Protein backbone atom coordinates (compact mmCIF):
# COMPACT_ATOMS: atom_id res chain seq x y z
CA MET A 1 -18.86 -0.02 35.01
CA PRO A 2 -18.27 2.08 31.83
CA THR A 3 -21.37 4.02 30.58
CA PHE A 4 -22.92 3.40 27.19
CA GLU A 5 -21.40 6.78 25.98
CA GLU A 6 -17.77 5.69 27.18
CA ARG A 7 -18.39 2.29 25.34
CA GLU A 8 -19.54 4.21 22.28
CA HIS A 9 -16.77 6.36 22.28
CA ALA A 10 -14.22 3.57 22.55
CA PHE A 11 -15.70 1.57 19.81
CA GLU A 12 -15.63 4.76 17.53
CA ALA A 13 -11.95 5.26 18.44
CA LYS A 14 -11.16 1.79 17.62
CA PHE A 15 -12.78 1.97 14.52
CA ALA A 16 -10.98 5.13 13.41
CA HIS A 17 -7.51 3.46 14.39
CA ASP A 18 -8.35 0.39 12.57
CA GLU A 19 -9.30 2.41 9.35
CA GLU A 20 -6.30 4.45 9.58
CA PHE A 21 -4.13 1.46 9.98
CA ARG A 22 -5.58 -0.16 7.08
CA PHE A 23 -5.02 2.88 4.92
CA LEU A 24 -1.65 3.07 5.89
CA VAL A 25 -0.87 -0.44 5.20
CA SER A 26 -2.35 -0.24 1.94
CA ALA A 27 -0.24 2.92 1.01
CA ARG A 28 2.82 1.36 2.22
CA ARG A 29 1.88 -1.80 0.31
CA ASP A 30 1.63 -0.03 -2.97
CA LYS A 31 4.78 1.95 -2.48
CA LEU A 32 6.75 -1.27 -1.89
CA PHE A 33 5.19 -2.94 -4.72
CA ALA A 34 6.16 -0.24 -7.16
CA HIS A 35 9.67 -0.25 -5.95
CA TRP A 36 9.68 -3.94 -6.34
CA ALA A 37 8.36 -3.45 -9.84
CA ALA A 38 11.06 -0.85 -10.37
CA ALA A 39 13.70 -2.99 -9.03
CA THR A 40 12.62 -6.17 -11.22
CA LEU A 41 12.74 -3.94 -14.30
CA LYS A 42 15.99 -2.42 -13.23
CA LEU A 43 14.51 1.10 -13.90
CA SER A 44 16.66 4.29 -13.25
CA ARG A 45 16.13 6.31 -9.96
CA SER A 46 14.23 9.07 -11.81
CA ASP A 47 11.88 6.03 -13.57
CA GLU A 48 11.58 4.60 -10.35
CA ASP A 49 10.29 7.65 -8.60
CA ALA A 50 7.97 8.16 -11.39
CA LEU A 51 6.41 4.74 -11.15
CA VAL A 52 6.09 5.20 -7.39
CA LYS A 53 4.19 8.36 -7.88
CA ALA A 54 1.88 6.93 -10.48
CA VAL A 55 1.12 3.84 -8.51
CA LEU A 56 0.44 6.16 -5.68
CA ALA A 57 -1.78 8.29 -7.56
CA ILE A 58 -4.32 5.25 -8.59
CA SER A 59 -7.51 5.82 -6.77
CA ASP A 60 -8.27 4.01 -3.55
CA ALA A 61 -11.84 3.23 -4.66
CA ARG A 62 -13.52 -0.08 -5.36
CA GLY A 63 -11.28 -2.09 -7.68
CA HIS A 64 -7.97 -0.50 -6.47
CA ASP A 65 -6.15 -3.68 -6.41
CA GLU A 66 -7.02 -4.74 -9.83
CA ALA A 67 -6.28 -1.37 -11.20
CA LEU A 68 -3.01 -1.46 -9.54
CA LEU A 69 -2.17 -5.00 -10.80
CA ARG A 70 -3.10 -4.01 -14.33
CA TYR A 71 -1.12 -0.83 -14.50
CA VAL A 72 1.99 -2.71 -13.14
CA ALA A 73 1.58 -5.34 -15.58
CA GLU A 74 1.10 -2.91 -18.59
CA ILE A 75 4.47 -1.43 -17.63
CA MET A 76 6.21 -4.46 -17.12
CA SER A 77 4.97 -5.73 -20.49
CA ALA A 78 6.06 -2.50 -22.00
CA HIS A 79 9.67 -3.35 -20.70
CA GLY A 80 9.38 -6.82 -21.91
CA HIS A 81 9.07 -8.42 -18.59
CA VAL A 82 5.95 -10.68 -18.41
CA ASP A 83 6.89 -13.66 -16.30
CA ALA A 84 6.28 -12.08 -12.88
CA ASP A 85 3.35 -13.19 -10.49
CA LEU A 86 2.18 -9.82 -9.61
CA SER A 87 -0.57 -11.01 -7.12
CA ASP A 88 1.93 -13.00 -5.12
CA ALA A 89 4.44 -9.90 -5.15
CA LEU A 90 1.42 -7.62 -4.19
CA ALA A 91 0.48 -10.01 -1.16
CA HIS A 92 3.93 -10.37 -0.20
CA CYS A 93 4.33 -6.66 -0.06
CA GLY A 94 0.90 -6.18 1.96
CA GLN A 95 2.54 -8.65 4.49
CA GLU A 96 5.92 -6.52 4.66
CA ALA A 97 3.98 -3.40 4.99
CA ARG A 98 1.93 -4.57 7.80
CA ARG A 99 4.87 -6.25 9.43
CA GLN A 100 6.78 -2.73 9.41
CA LEU A 101 3.97 -0.66 10.52
CA ILE A 102 3.26 -3.21 13.53
CA GLU A 103 7.27 -3.10 14.43
CA ALA A 104 7.54 0.77 13.93
CA PRO A 105 4.42 2.52 13.91
CA PRO A 106 4.63 6.15 12.27
CA GLU A 107 4.58 9.14 14.63
CA GLN A 108 1.50 11.15 14.36
CA SER A 109 3.48 13.91 12.73
CA GLU A 110 4.47 11.55 10.01
CA VAL A 111 0.90 10.57 9.36
CA LEU A 112 -0.18 13.89 8.72
């Protein structure tokens, strides 16, 4: 029978793992979303890289998704592209990010 301390340690380790996975999925989702937006707008490689950097710089605080959608909507609108459903694209990127990380988890050295 595991001791209380062992169980507590196991729960803490699982929580830490789950939080790290959530963060990695969110970061990968945002990056995929920025690449999707750049491809939709047919941006040059340098403009795509700038968009990805700008998207990844958006604070991961409360309201992150809304800020992300608003930022990309402004970029797309500035380029005359307003017909995309950004919420659906973001959700799809989230599913893809989760699938990628489950199929090929990053090595610990890649995370740091």
